[in-house]
């Protein structure tokens, strides 16, 4: 999901973008779920986060869960991860620094828990 102009949810579109590929120290994640946060609505509405790339189309989303399918780092292909990025998590594939993707805890694997670490209190 991406948008070319600011606005409400109606500006979101399914777009075909080039598949990204990781460089050294990065991983590519096949996104299975993305957290939807007030941050994303603000970006879609026109707010410009500090240090965010100014390119369009803009892909919102900063929390994701998925599986590494290409690696330029030490985490192996097939690792289920939770991660964070400034923008881009609403994409089918996202490339992030390896430190922004952490292996999913065993109890969360296969449940696509994007956003869950902050969304609920842990026992």
C-alpha atoms as a PDB file:
ATOM      1  CA  UNK A   1       0.000   0.000   0.000  1.00  0.00           C
ATOM      2  CA  UNK A   2       1.269   3.444  -0.882  1.00  0.00           C
ATOM      3  CA  UNK A   3       0.113   6.957  -1.678  1.00  0.00           C
ATOM      4  CA  UNK A   4       1.164   9.759  -3.999  1.00  0.00           C
ATOM      5  CA  UNK A   5      -0.744  12.593  -2.320  1.00  0.00           C
ATOM      6  CA  UNK A   6      -1.703  13.333   1.266  1.00  0.00           C
ATOM      7  CA  UNK A   7      -5.188  12.639   2.552  1.00  0.00           C
ATOM      8  CA  UNK A   8      -7.418  10.129   4.266  1.00  0.00           C
ATOM      9  CA  UNK A   9      -7.481   6.358   3.787  1.00  0.00           C
ATOM     10  CA  UNK A  10      -8.919   6.856   0.294  1.00  0.00           C
ATOM     11  CA  UNK A  11      -5.485   7.964  -1.026  1.00  0.00           C
ATOM     12  CA  UNK A  12      -3.957   4.529  -0.325  1.00  0.00           C
ATOM     13  CA  UNK A  13      -3.427   2.410  -3.416  1.00  0.00           C
ATOM     14  CA  UNK A  14      -1.979  -0.997  -4.195  1.00  0.00           C
ATOM     15  CA  UNK A  15       1.019  -0.149  -6.373  1.00  0.00           C
ATOM     16  CA  UNK A  16       3.659  -2.260  -8.096  1.00  0.00           C
ATOM     17  CA  UNK A  17       7.102  -1.087  -7.008  1.00  0.00           C
ATOM     18  CA  UNK A  18      10.532  -2.516  -7.767  1.00  0.00           C
ATOM     19  CA  UNK A  19      11.602  -5.276  -5.377  1.00  0.00           C
ATOM     20  CA  UNK A  20      14.328  -4.020  -3.029  1.00  0.00           C
ATOM     21  CA  UNK A  21      17.489  -6.035  -2.374  1.00  0.00           C
ATOM     22  CA  UNK A  22      19.686  -5.888   0.725  1.00  0.00           C
ATOM     23  CA  UNK A  23      23.206  -4.578   0.836  1.00  0.00           C
ATOM     24  CA  UNK A  24      25.849  -5.509   3.401  1.00  0.00           C
ATOM     25  CA  UNK A  25      24.441  -5.554   6.931  1.00  0.00           C
ATOM     26  CA  UNK A  26      20.826  -5.482   5.714  1.00  0.00           C
ATOM     27  CA  UNK A  27      18.040  -8.029   5.379  1.00  0.00           C
ATOM     28  CA  UNK A  28      15.029  -8.202   3.124  1.00  0.00           C
ATOM     29  CA  UNK A  29      11.828  -9.259   4.854  1.00  0.00           C
ATOM     30  CA  UNK A  30       8.743 -10.660   3.147  1.00  0.00           C
ATOM     31  CA  UNK A  31       6.183  -8.747   5.201  1.00  0.00           C
ATOM     32  CA  UNK A  32       3.338 -10.843   6.582  1.00  0.00           C
ATOM     33  CA  UNK A  33       1.799  -8.143   8.801  1.00  0.00           C
ATOM     34  CA  UNK A  34       2.297  -4.450   9.437  1.00  0.00           C
ATOM     35  CA  UNK A  35       1.218  -2.526  12.505  1.00  0.00           C
ATOM     36  CA  UNK A  36      -1.231   0.308  11.861  1.00  0.00           C
ATOM     37  CA  UNK A  37      -0.472   3.215  14.173  1.00  0.00           C
ATOM     38  CA  UNK A  38      -1.548   6.878  14.546  1.00  0.00           C
ATOM     39  CA  UNK A  39       1.934   7.698  13.201  1.00  0.00           C
ATOM     40  CA  UNK A  40       0.924   6.172   9.847  1.00  0.00           C
ATOM     41  CA  UNK A  41      -2.281   8.220   9.648  1.00  0.00           C
ATOM     42  CA  UNK A  42      -0.302  11.387  10.387  1.00  0.00           C
ATOM     43  CA  UNK A  43       2.197  10.612   7.600  1.00  0.00           C
ATOM     44  CA  UNK A  44      -0.620   9.811   5.192  1.00  0.00           C
ATOM     45  CA  UNK A  45      -2.274  13.098   6.202  1.00  0.00           C
ATOM     46  CA  UNK A  46       0.797  15.140   5.269  1.00  0.00           C
ATOM     47  CA  UNK A  47       3.062  15.174   8.345  1.00  0.00           C
ATOM     48  CA  UNK A  48       6.733  14.802   7.421  1.00  0.00           C
ATOM     49  CA  UNK A  49       8.719  12.799  10.001  1.00  0.00           C
ATOM     50  CA  UNK A  50      12.226  14.168  10.634  1.00  0.00           C
ATOM     51  CA  UNK A  51      14.865  12.418   8.510  1.00  0.00           C
ATOM     52  CA  UNK A  52      12.257  10.621   6.382  1.00  0.00           C
ATOM     53  CA  UNK A  53      12.968  10.249   2.670  1.00  0.00           C
ATOM     54  CA  UNK A  54      10.863  12.682   0.665  1.00  0.00           C
ATOM     55  CA  UNK A  55      10.255  10.329  -2.268  1.00  0.00           C
ATOM     56  CA  UNK A  56       6.862   9.443  -3.713  1.00  0.00           C
ATOM     57  CA  UNK A  57       5.067   7.178  -3.794  1.00  0.00           C
ATOM     58  CA  UNK A  58       5.299   7.001  -0.028  1.00  0.00           C
ATOM     59  CA  UNK A  59       4.866   3.622   1.665  1.00  0.00           C
ATOM     60  CA  UNK A  60       3.683   4.089   5.264  1.00  0.00           C
ATOM     61  CA  UNK A  61       4.174   1.742   8.176  1.00  0.00           C
ATOM     62  CA  UNK A  62       6.912   1.391  10.736  1.00  0.00           C
ATOM     63  CA  UNK A  63       6.244  -1.964  12.479  1.00  0.00           C
ATOM     64  CA  UNK A  64       6.322  -5.284  10.683  1.00  0.00           C
ATOM     65  CA  UNK A  65       6.434  -9.045  11.108  1.00  0.00           C
ATOM     66  CA  UNK A  66       7.630 -11.415   8.426  1.00  0.00           C
ATOM     67  CA  UNK A  67      10.298 -13.788   7.176  1.00  0.00           C
ATOM     68  CA  UNK A  68      13.788 -12.959   5.933  1.00  0.00           C
ATOM     69  CA  UNK A  69      14.021 -14.035   2.304  1.00  0.00           C
ATOM     70  CA  UNK A  70      17.322 -12.350   1.300  1.00  0.00           C
ATOM     71  CA  UNK A  71      20.209 -11.440   3.535  1.00  0.00           C
ATOM     72  CA  UNK A  72      23.307  -9.304   3.460  1.00  0.00           C
ATOM     73  CA  UNK A  73      23.834  -9.866   7.169  1.00  0.00           C
ATOM     74  CA  UNK A  74      24.161 -12.706   9.631  1.00  0.00           C
ATOM     75  CA  UNK A  75      20.481 -13.597  10.165  1.00  0.00           C
ATOM     76  CA  UNK A  76      19.713 -16.521   7.862  1.00  0.00           C
ATOM     77  CA  UNK A  77      17.032 -16.742   5.196  1.00  0.00           C
ATOM     78  CA  UNK A  78      13.874 -18.223   6.714  1.00  0.00           C
ATOM     79  CA  UNK A  79      14.197 -16.451  10.076  1.00  0.00           C
ATOM     80  CA  UNK A  80      10.836 -15.152  11.330  1.00  0.00           C
ATOM     81  CA  UNK A  81      11.305 -11.588  12.562  1.00  0.00           C
ATOM     82  CA  UNK A  82       9.621  -8.601  14.167  1.00  0.00           C
ATOM     83  CA  UNK A  83      10.963  -5.232  13.143  1.00  0.00           C
ATOM     84  CA  UNK A  84      10.817  -1.487  13.077  1.00  0.00           C
ATOM     85  CA  UNK A  85      11.592   1.092  10.392  1.00  0.00           C
ATOM     86  CA  UNK A  86      10.774   4.749   9.778  1.00  0.00           C
ATOM     87  CA  UNK A  87       8.547   4.078   6.741  1.00  0.00           C
ATOM     88  CA  UNK A  88       7.900   1.239   4.311  1.00  0.00           C
ATOM     89  CA  UNK A  89       6.285  -1.556   6.347  1.00  0.00           C
ATOM     90  CA  UNK A  90       3.072  -1.599   4.270  1.00  0.00           C
ATOM     91  CA  UNK A  91       5.110  -3.091   1.404  1.00  0.00           C
ATOM     92  CA  UNK A  92       5.291  -6.719   0.327  1.00  0.00           C
ATOM     93  CA  UNK A  93       9.082  -6.632   0.845  1.00  0.00           C
ATOM     94  CA  UNK A  94      11.149  -4.285   2.975  1.00  0.00           C
ATOM     95  CA  UNK A  95      14.913  -3.910   3.359  1.00  0.00           C
ATOM     96  CA  UNK A  96      16.137  -2.784   6.775  1.00  0.00           C
ATOM     97  CA  UNK A  97      19.416  -2.762   8.670  1.00  0.00           C
ATOM     98  CA  UNK A  98      19.797  -6.182  10.275  1.00  0.00           C
ATOM     99  CA  UNK A  99      19.589  -4.587  13.747  1.00  0.00           C
ATOM    100  CA  UNK A 100      16.034  -3.400  12.959  1.00  0.00           C
ATOM    101  CA  UNK A 101      14.775  -6.987  12.561  1.00  0.00           C
ATOM    102  CA  UNK A 102      14.833  -9.302  15.557  1.00  0.00           C
ATOM    103  CA  UNK A 103      13.981 -13.002  15.570  1.00  0.00           C
ATOM    104  CA  UNK A 104      10.410 -13.514  16.743  1.00  0.00           C
ATOM    105  CA  UNK A 105      10.086 -15.008  20.216  1.00  0.00           C
ATOM    106  CA  UNK A 106       9.095 -18.695  19.962  1.00  0.00           C
ATOM    107  CA  UNK A 107       5.651 -18.030  21.431  1.00  0.00           C
ATOM    108  CA  UNK A 108       4.935 -15.469  18.664  1.00  0.00           C
ATOM    109  CA  UNK A 109       6.139 -17.404  15.629  1.00  0.00           C
ATOM    110  CA  UNK A 110       3.546 -17.922  12.945  1.00  0.00           C
ATOM    111  CA  UNK A 111       1.129 -15.429  14.485  1.00  0.00           C
ATOM    112  CA  UNK A 112       2.223 -12.290  12.591  1.00  0.00           C
ATOM    113  CA  UNK A 113       2.425 -10.167  15.757  1.00  0.00           C
ATOM    114  CA  UNK A 114       3.332  -6.771  14.215  1.00  0.00           C
ATOM    115  CA  UNK A 115       2.849  -4.084  16.809  1.00  0.00           C
ATOM    116  CA  UNK A 116       2.243  -6.527  19.661  1.00  0.00           C
ATOM    117  CA  UNK A 117       5.249  -5.651  21.886  1.00  0.00           C
ATOM    118  CA  UNK A 118       3.745  -2.221  22.609  1.00  0.00           C
ATOM    119  CA  UNK A 119       0.090  -3.071  22.055  1.00  0.00           C
ATOM    120  CA  UNK A 120      -0.404  -5.214  25.147  1.00  0.00           C
ATOM    121  CA  UNK A 121       1.114  -5.564  28.560  1.00  0.00           C
ATOM    122  CA  UNK A 122       3.356  -8.593  28.954  1.00  0.00           C
ATOM    123  CA  UNK A 123       2.926 -10.826  32.076  1.00  0.00           C
END
